[in-house]
Amino acid sequence: MYLNGSIFPLILTLHSLELPQTSIYPAFMLGMTTYLFILLCNLTIVVTICLNRNLHKPMYILLLNMPINDAMGATSLFPQLLYSIWSQDRSISYSACLLQGFIVHLYGGASYVILTAMAYDRYIAICCPLRYGAILTTNNLSDAKIKALQTCGTHLVVFLFLEFNTLFPLLAHRSESVPAHLRRVFSISVLVFPPIVNPLIYGFKTQEIRQKILTCFKRKIISV
């Protein structure tokens, strides 16, 4: 990004995506499809949790924040990106760029806070029952281990995925050997891949949420 002006620039110019003319339409369609898929998955999780009272529990309230945050992060990127691809207009106002940067940093900070809170919630859910001697049977204990591996393993994968998505852009921008277009791809990856992966891992793989979504679709089909 570089400034287009002298003393007090109001318009900034983004670096070119270097797309050939024949790739503009496919790139626009791919970006639009990705954005709509992100919104669909994340909003499905939000609506499902909000409309079902038996999901109004601490774990699901925490989980509710993640799709909202992911949708916000994707929205900070895709509309401006799609407009730039379609119109080949690389200009952006200073205020819009400032707002976009604020939302991106808010999204990144909120992601770590949400993952930390969810990790603490899972720790309490797994470890607290072990304080009660009455449930320290052999069977309840192969179950607690399995639950811990499944829950913490999935949470660790998501956290490491976010870490690598943050690390690669930082390393790429500090190495002149990395091509410019790869640096730009790495820069936006953190706003693309987590919003896609998170609802699939935390939403649709969660049994109660999956059952509620399937029940809702079955009702819609029967009513039609």
C-alpha atoms as a PDB file:
ATOM      1  CA  MET A   1       0.000   0.000   0.000  1.00  0.00           C
ATOM      2  CA  TYR A   2       1.366   3.437  -0.823  1.00  0.00           C
ATOM      3  CA  LEU A   3       0.111   7.000  -0.445  1.00  0.00           C
ATOM      4  CA  ASN A   4      -1.441   8.936  -3.293  1.00  0.00           C
ATOM      5  CA  GLY A   5      -0.995  12.552  -2.265  1.00  0.00           C
ATOM      6  CA  SER A   6       1.477  14.926  -0.707  1.00  0.00           C
ATOM      7  CA  ILE A   7       0.908  16.575   2.672  1.00  0.00           C
ATOM      8  CA  PHE A   8      -2.339  15.026   3.980  1.00  0.00           C
ATOM      9  CA  PRO A   9      -3.364  12.101   1.796  1.00  0.00           C
ATOM     10  CA  LEU A  10      -7.033  11.155   1.829  1.00  0.00           C
ATOM     11  CA  ILE A  11      -6.778   8.396  -0.782  1.00  0.00           C
ATOM     12  CA  LEU A  12      -4.517   5.371  -0.553  1.00  0.00           C
ATOM     13  CA  THR A  13      -3.657   3.029  -3.393  1.00  0.00           C
ATOM     14  CA  LEU A  14      -3.433  -0.711  -2.816  1.00  0.00           C
ATOM     15  CA  HIS A  15      -0.788  -2.864  -4.442  1.00  0.00           C
ATOM     16  CA  SER A  16      -2.005  -4.612  -7.581  1.00  0.00           C
ATOM     17  CA  LEU A  17      -3.124  -8.234  -7.304  1.00  0.00           C
ATOM     18  CA  GLU A  18      -1.375  -8.807 -10.645  1.00  0.00           C
ATOM     19  CA  LEU A  19      -4.273 -10.803 -12.052  1.00  0.00           C
ATOM     20  CA  PRO A  20      -4.320 -11.362 -15.808  1.00  0.00           C
ATOM     21  CA  GLN A  21      -7.418 -10.130 -17.580  1.00  0.00           C
ATOM     22  CA  THR A  22      -8.698 -13.667 -18.145  1.00  0.00           C
ATOM     23  CA  SER A  23      -8.517 -14.455 -14.413  1.00  0.00           C
ATOM     24  CA  ILE A  24     -10.552 -11.511 -13.126  1.00  0.00           C
ATOM     25  CA  TYR A  25     -13.977 -13.159 -13.463  1.00  0.00           C
ATOM     26  CA  PRO A  26     -12.921 -16.586 -12.034  1.00  0.00           C
ATOM     27  CA  ALA A  27     -11.118 -14.862  -9.140  1.00  0.00           C
ATOM     28  CA  PHE A  28     -14.205 -12.765  -8.411  1.00  0.00           C
ATOM     29  CA  MET A  29     -16.474 -15.808  -8.443  1.00  0.00           C
ATOM     30  CA  LEU A  30     -14.096 -17.783  -6.216  1.00  0.00           C
ATOM     31  CA  GLY A  31     -13.879 -14.910  -3.738  1.00  0.00           C
ATOM     32  CA  MET A  32     -17.646 -14.391  -3.723  1.00  0.00           C
ATOM     33  CA  THR A  33     -18.310 -18.118  -3.238  1.00  0.00           C
ATOM     34  CA  THR A  34     -15.802 -18.287  -0.381  1.00  0.00           C
ATOM     35  CA  TYR A  35     -17.292 -15.235   1.326  1.00  0.00           C
ATOM     36  CA  LEU A  36     -20.866 -16.514   1.034  1.00  0.00           C
ATOM     37  CA  PHE A  37     -19.799 -19.932   2.324  1.00  0.00           C
ATOM     38  CA  ILE A  38     -18.134 -18.314   5.344  1.00  0.00           C
ATOM     39  CA  LEU A  39     -21.235 -16.243   6.094  1.00  0.00           C
ATOM     40  CA  LEU A  40     -23.566 -19.223   5.632  1.00  0.00           C
ATOM     41  CA  CYS A  41     -21.604 -21.528   7.953  1.00  0.00           C
ATOM     42  CA  ASN A  42     -21.029 -18.969  10.676  1.00  0.00           C
ATOM     43  CA  LEU A  43     -24.523 -17.468  10.614  1.00  0.00           C
ATOM     44  CA  THR A  44     -26.012 -20.975  10.743  1.00  0.00           C
ATOM     45  CA  ILE A  45     -24.150 -21.586  13.993  1.00  0.00           C
ATOM     46  CA  VAL A  46     -25.232 -18.202  15.399  1.00  0.00           C
ATOM     47  CA  VAL A  47     -28.913 -18.677  14.536  1.00  0.00           C
ATOM     48  CA  THR A  48     -28.950 -22.258  15.820  1.00  0.00           C
ATOM     49  CA  ILE A  49     -27.549 -21.281  19.216  1.00  0.00           C
ATOM     50  CA  CYS A  50     -29.755 -18.201  19.540  1.00  0.00           C
ATOM     51  CA  LEU A  51     -33.018 -19.971  18.683  1.00  0.00           C
ATOM     52  CA  ASN A  52     -32.552 -23.031  20.902  1.00  0.00           C
ATOM     53  CA  ARG A  53     -32.893 -22.355  24.619  1.00  0.00           C
ATOM     54  CA  ASN A  54     -31.284 -25.635  25.644  1.00  0.00           C
ATOM     55  CA  LEU A  55     -28.087 -24.400  23.974  1.00  0.00           C
ATOM     56  CA  HIS A  56     -27.983 -21.307  26.186  1.00  0.00           C
ATOM     57  CA  LYS A  57     -25.169 -22.737  28.289  1.00  0.00           C
ATOM     58  CA  PRO A  58     -21.736 -21.277  29.073  1.00  0.00           C
ATOM     59  CA  MET A  59     -19.957 -23.457  26.501  1.00  0.00           C
ATOM     60  CA  TYR A  60     -22.307 -22.480  23.683  1.00  0.00           C
ATOM     61  CA  ILE A  61     -22.382 -18.826  24.705  1.00  0.00           C
ATOM     62  CA  LEU A  62     -18.596 -18.847  24.338  1.00  0.00           C
ATOM     63  CA  LEU A  63     -18.925 -20.710  21.066  1.00  0.00           C
ATOM     64  CA  LEU A  64     -21.409 -18.098  19.842  1.00  0.00           C
ATOM     65  CA  ASN A  65     -18.696 -15.445  19.913  1.00  0.00           C
ATOM     66  CA  MET A  66     -16.434 -17.316  17.518  1.00  0.00           C
ATOM     67  CA  PRO A  67     -18.692 -17.335  14.398  1.00  0.00           C
ATOM     68  CA  ILE A  68     -19.606 -13.691  15.036  1.00  0.00           C
ATOM     69  CA  ASN A  69     -15.922 -12.804  15.221  1.00  0.00           C
ATOM     70  CA  ASP A  70     -15.079 -14.888  12.133  1.00  0.00           C
ATOM     71  CA  ALA A  71     -17.864 -13.290  10.098  1.00  0.00           C
ATOM     72  CA  MET A  72     -16.628  -9.848  11.179  1.00  0.00           C
ATOM     73  CA  GLY A  73     -13.043 -10.692  10.178  1.00  0.00           C
ATOM     74  CA  ALA A  74     -14.075 -12.007   6.763  1.00  0.00           C
ATOM     75  CA  THR A  75     -16.286  -8.964   6.176  1.00  0.00           C
ATOM     76  CA  SER A  76     -13.343  -6.666   6.864  1.00  0.00           C
ATOM     77  CA  LEU A  77     -11.560  -8.227   3.878  1.00  0.00           C
ATOM     78  CA  PHE A  78     -13.863  -9.627   1.224  1.00  0.00           C
ATOM     79  CA  PRO A  79     -16.096  -6.679   0.203  1.00  0.00           C
ATOM     80  CA  GLN A  80     -13.109  -4.414  -0.493  1.00  0.00           C
ATOM     81  CA  LEU A  81     -11.180  -7.276  -2.107  1.00  0.00           C
ATOM     82  CA  LEU A  82     -14.070  -8.271  -4.385  1.00  0.00           C
ATOM     83  CA  TYR A  83     -14.640  -4.653  -5.386  1.00  0.00           C
ATOM     84  CA  SER A  84     -10.957  -4.268  -6.243  1.00  0.00           C
ATOM     85  CA  ILE A  85     -10.960  -7.435  -8.334  1.00  0.00           C
ATOM     86  CA  TRP A  86     -14.131  -6.574 -10.229  1.00  0.00           C
ATOM     87  CA  SER A  87     -13.501  -2.892 -10.874  1.00  0.00           C
ATOM     88  CA  GLN A  88      -9.686  -3.029 -10.972  1.00  0.00           C
ATOM     89  CA  ASP A  89      -9.860   0.097  -8.806  1.00  0.00           C
ATOM     90  CA  ARG A  90      -7.060  -0.117  -6.242  1.00  0.00           C
ATOM     91  CA  SER A  91      -7.874   3.087  -4.376  1.00  0.00           C
ATOM     92  CA  ILE A  92      -9.234   3.188  -0.833  1.00  0.00           C
ATOM     93  CA  SER A  93     -10.019   6.140   1.365  1.00  0.00           C
ATOM     94  CA  TYR A  94      -7.878   6.789   4.409  1.00  0.00           C
ATOM     95  CA  SER A  95     -10.843   6.414   6.774  1.00  0.00           C
ATOM     96  CA  ALA A  96     -11.891   3.118   5.166  1.00  0.00           C
ATOM     97  CA  CYS A  97      -8.343   1.783   5.437  1.00  0.00           C
ATOM     98  CA  LEU A  98      -8.175   2.858   9.078  1.00  0.00           C
ATOM     99  CA  LEU A  99     -11.498   1.152   9.819  1.00  0.00           C
ATOM    100  CA  GLN A 100     -10.386  -2.006   8.033  1.00  0.00           C
ATOM    101  CA  GLY A 101      -7.135  -2.105  10.003  1.00  0.00           C
ATOM    102  CA  PHE A 102      -9.013  -1.599  13.280  1.00  0.00           C
ATOM    103  CA  ILE A 103     -11.431  -4.452  12.532  1.00  0.00           C
ATOM    104  CA  VAL A 104      -8.604  -6.781  11.487  1.00  0.00           C
ATOM    105  CA  HIS A 105      -6.726  -6.146  14.749  1.00  0.00           C
ATOM    106  CA  LEU A 106      -9.963  -6.479  16.736  1.00  0.00           C
ATOM    107  CA  TYR A 107     -10.638  -9.796  15.000  1.00  0.00           C
ATOM    108  CA  GLY A 108      -7.134 -11.076  15.762  1.00  0.00           C
ATOM    109  CA  GLY A 109      -7.236 -10.056  19.408  1.00  0.00           C
ATOM    110  CA  ALA A 110     -10.745 -11.424  19.909  1.00  0.00           C
ATOM    111  CA  SER A 111      -9.726 -14.766  18.355  1.00  0.00           C
ATOM    112  CA  TYR A 112      -7.067 -15.309  21.007  1.00  0.00           C
ATOM    113  CA  VAL A 113      -9.380 -14.192  23.824  1.00  0.00           C
ATOM    114  CA  ILE A 114     -12.183 -16.508  22.673  1.00  0.00           C
ATOM    115  CA  LEU A 115      -9.870 -19.499  22.244  1.00  0.00           C
ATOM    116  CA  THR A 116      -8.390 -18.874  25.698  1.00  0.00           C
ATOM    117  CA  ALA A 117     -11.835 -18.650  27.302  1.00  0.00           C
ATOM    118  CA  MET A 118     -12.966 -21.817  25.534  1.00  0.00           C
ATOM    119  CA  ALA A 119      -9.826 -23.635  26.660  1.00  0.00           C
ATOM    120  CA  TYR A 120     -10.524 -22.644  30.274  1.00  0.00           C
ATOM    121  CA  ASP A 121     -14.158 -23.760  29.911  1.00  0.00           C
ATOM    122  CA  ARG A 122     -13.045 -27.162  28.595  1.00  0.00           C
ATOM    123  CA  TYR A 123     -10.504 -27.467  31.398  1.00  0.00           C
ATOM    124  CA  ILE A 124     -13.215 -26.897  34.002  1.00  0.00           C
ATOM    125  CA  ALA A 125     -15.605 -29.298  32.258  1.00  0.00           C
ATOM    126  CA  ILE A 126     -13.015 -32.072  32.102  1.00  0.00           C
ATOM    127  CA  CYS A 127     -11.079 -31.649  35.344  1.00  0.00           C
ATOM    128  CA  CYS A 128     -13.652 -30.550  37.908  1.00  0.00           C
ATOM    129  CA  PRO A 129     -15.641 -33.812  37.914  1.00  0.00           C
ATOM    130  CA  LEU A 130     -12.455 -35.623  38.968  1.00  0.00           C
ATOM    131  CA  ARG A 131     -12.691 -33.913  42.378  1.00  0.00           C
ATOM    132  CA  TYR A 132     -15.704 -36.012  43.261  1.00  0.00           C
ATOM    133  CA  GLY A 133     -14.630 -39.407  44.533  1.00  0.00           C
ATOM    134  CA  ALA A 134     -17.968 -40.959  43.715  1.00  0.00           C
ATOM    135  CA  ILE A 135     -17.349 -40.787  39.977  1.00  0.00           C
ATOM    136  CA  LEU A 136     -13.729 -41.935  40.003  1.00  0.00           C
ATOM    137  CA  THR A 137     -14.599 -45.341  38.602  1.00  0.00           C
ATOM    138  CA  THR A 138     -12.541 -47.032  35.926  1.00  0.00           C
ATOM    139  CA  ASN A 139     -15.174 -46.585  33.220  1.00  0.00           C
ATOM    140  CA  ASN A 140     -15.823 -42.904  33.948  1.00  0.00           C
ATOM    141  CA  LEU A 141     -12.079 -42.240  34.067  1.00  0.00           C
ATOM    142  CA  SER A 142     -11.018 -44.480  29.607  1.00  0.00           C
ATOM    143  CA  ASP A 143     -14.450 -41.801  29.135  1.00  0.00           C
ATOM    144  CA  ALA A 144     -12.750 -38.683  30.655  1.00  0.00           C
ATOM    145  CA  LYS A 145      -9.487 -39.479  28.871  1.00  0.00           C
ATOM    146  CA  ILE A 146     -11.238 -39.923  25.532  1.00  0.00           C
ATOM    147  CA  LYS A 147     -13.216 -36.711  26.028  1.00  0.00           C
ATOM    148  CA  ALA A 148     -10.026 -34.827  26.947  1.00  0.00           C
ATOM    149  CA  LEU A 149      -8.186 -36.080  23.863  1.00  0.00           C
ATOM    150  CA  GLN A 150     -11.065 -35.244  21.546  1.00  0.00           C
ATOM    151  CA  THR A 151     -11.810 -31.812  23.007  1.00  0.00           C
ATOM    152  CA  CYS A 152      -8.283 -30.586  23.721  1.00  0.00           C
ATOM    153  CA  GLY A 153      -6.865 -32.111  20.550  1.00  0.00           C
ATOM    154  CA  THR A 154      -9.388 -30.264  18.396  1.00  0.00           C
ATOM    155  CA  HIS A 155      -8.854 -27.038  20.329  1.00  0.00           C
ATOM    156  CA  LEU A 156      -5.078 -27.376  19.960  1.00  0.00           C
ATOM    157  CA  VAL A 157      -5.379 -27.901  16.204  1.00  0.00           C
ATOM    158  CA  VAL A 158      -7.452 -24.728  15.828  1.00  0.00           C
ATOM    159  CA  PHE A 159      -5.040 -22.725  17.979  1.00  0.00           C
ATOM    160  CA  LEU A 160      -1.964 -23.949  16.088  1.00  0.00           C
ATOM    161  CA  PHE A 161      -3.745 -23.256  12.794  1.00  0.00           C
ATOM    162  CA  LEU A 162      -4.311 -19.651  13.879  1.00  0.00           C
ATOM    163  CA  GLU A 163      -0.700 -19.377  15.065  1.00  0.00           C
ATOM    164  CA  PHE A 164       0.755 -20.592  11.763  1.00  0.00           C
ATOM    165  CA  ASN A 165      -1.589 -18.331   9.799  1.00  0.00           C
ATOM    166  CA  THR A 166      -0.218 -15.427  11.829  1.00  0.00           C
ATOM    167  CA  LEU A 167       3.417 -16.541  11.724  1.00  0.00           C
ATOM    168  CA  PHE A 168       3.754 -17.086   7.973  1.00  0.00           C
ATOM    169  CA  PRO A 169       2.822 -13.505   6.972  1.00  0.00           C
ATOM    170  CA  LEU A 170       5.243 -12.095   9.565  1.00  0.00           C
ATOM    171  CA  LEU A 171       8.114 -14.221   8.247  1.00  0.00           C
ATOM    172  CA  ALA A 172       7.224 -13.645   4.587  1.00  0.00           C
ATOM    173  CA  HIS A 173       7.190  -9.847   4.944  1.00  0.00           C
ATOM    174  CA  ARG A 174      10.656  -9.955   6.494  1.00  0.00           C
ATOM    175  CA  SER A 175      12.208 -11.970   3.680  1.00  0.00           C
ATOM    176  CA  GLU A 176      12.925 -10.347   0.338  1.00  0.00           C
ATOM    177  CA  SER A 177      13.233 -13.759  -1.291  1.00  0.00           C
ATOM    178  CA  VAL A 178       9.489 -14.365  -0.967  1.00  0.00           C
ATOM    179  CA  PRO A 179       7.592 -13.093  -4.048  1.00  0.00           C
ATOM    180  CA  ALA A 180       5.281 -10.136  -3.486  1.00  0.00           C
ATOM    181  CA  HIS A 181       2.139 -12.007  -4.532  1.00  0.00           C
ATOM    182  CA  LEU A 182       2.868 -14.781  -1.995  1.00  0.00           C
ATOM    183  CA  ARG A 183       3.305 -12.204   0.750  1.00  0.00           C
ATOM    184  CA  ARG A 184      -0.132 -10.798  -0.073  1.00  0.00           C
ATOM    185  CA  VAL A 185      -1.657 -14.289  -0.112  1.00  0.00           C
ATOM    186  CA  PHE A 186      -0.156 -15.058   3.295  1.00  0.00           C
ATOM    187  CA  SER A 187      -1.417 -11.728   4.621  1.00  0.00           C
ATOM    188  CA  ILE A 188      -5.060 -12.470   3.875  1.00  0.00           C
ATOM    189  CA  SER A 189      -4.940 -16.179   4.771  1.00  0.00           C
ATOM    190  CA  VAL A 190      -5.692 -15.462   8.439  1.00  0.00           C
ATOM    191  CA  LEU A 191      -8.956 -13.792   7.373  1.00  0.00           C
ATOM    192  CA  VAL A 192      -9.957 -16.654   5.055  1.00  0.00           C
ATOM    193  CA  PHE A 193      -9.049 -20.056   6.483  1.00  0.00           C
ATOM    194  CA  PRO A 194     -10.005 -19.755  10.199  1.00  0.00           C
ATOM    195  CA  PRO A 195     -13.524 -18.445   9.373  1.00  0.00           C
ATOM    196  CA  ILE A 196     -13.967 -21.514   7.158  1.00  0.00           C
ATOM    197  CA  VAL A 197     -12.435 -24.114   9.472  1.00  0.00           C
ATOM    198  CA  ASN A 198     -13.806 -22.905  12.835  1.00  0.00           C
ATOM    199  CA  PRO A 199     -17.546 -23.440  12.175  1.00  0.00           C
ATOM    200  CA  LEU A 200     -16.811 -26.871  10.720  1.00  0.00           C
ATOM    201  CA  ILE A 201     -14.771 -27.959  13.746  1.00  0.00           C
ATOM    202  CA  TYR A 202     -16.579 -26.196  16.599  1.00  0.00           C
ATOM    203  CA  GLY A 203     -20.058 -25.962  15.131  1.00  0.00           C
ATOM    204  CA  PHE A 204     -21.036 -28.838  12.883  1.00  0.00           C
ATOM    205  CA  LYS A 205     -18.887 -31.398  14.746  1.00  0.00           C
ATOM    206  CA  THR A 206     -20.578 -30.516  18.053  1.00  0.00           C
ATOM    207  CA  GLN A 207     -23.320 -33.113  18.487  1.00  0.00           C
ATOM    208  CA  GLU A 208     -26.028 -30.897  19.987  1.00  0.00           C
ATOM    209  CA  ILE A 209     -25.585 -28.143  17.409  1.00  0.00           C
ATOM    210  CA  ARG A 210     -25.488 -30.647  14.559  1.00  0.00           C
ATOM    211  CA  GLN A 211     -28.689 -32.297  15.777  1.00  0.00           C
ATOM    212  CA  LYS A 212     -30.477 -28.956  16.053  1.00  0.00           C
ATOM    213  CA  ILE A 213     -29.419 -27.966  12.535  1.00  0.00           C
ATOM    214  CA  LEU A 214     -30.565 -31.308  11.099  1.00  0.00           C
ATOM    215  CA  THR A 215     -33.871 -31.063  12.984  1.00  0.00           C
ATOM    216  CA  CYS A 216     -34.447 -27.576  11.598  1.00  0.00           C
ATOM    217  CA  PHE A 217     -33.775 -28.728   8.035  1.00  0.00           C
ATOM    218  CA  LYS A 218     -36.078 -31.724   8.445  1.00  0.00           C
ATOM    219  CA  ARG A 219     -38.886 -29.439   9.623  1.00  0.00           C
ATOM    220  CA  LYS A 220     -38.355 -27.182   6.633  1.00  0.00           C
ATOM    221  CA  ILE A 221     -38.460 -30.144   4.249  1.00  0.00           C
ATOM    222  CA  ILE A 222     -41.616 -31.588   5.870  1.00  0.00           C
ATOM    223  CA  SER A 223     -43.371 -28.198   5.815  1.00  0.00           C
ATOM    224  CA  VAL A 224     -42.596 -27.828   2.099  1.00  0.00           C
END
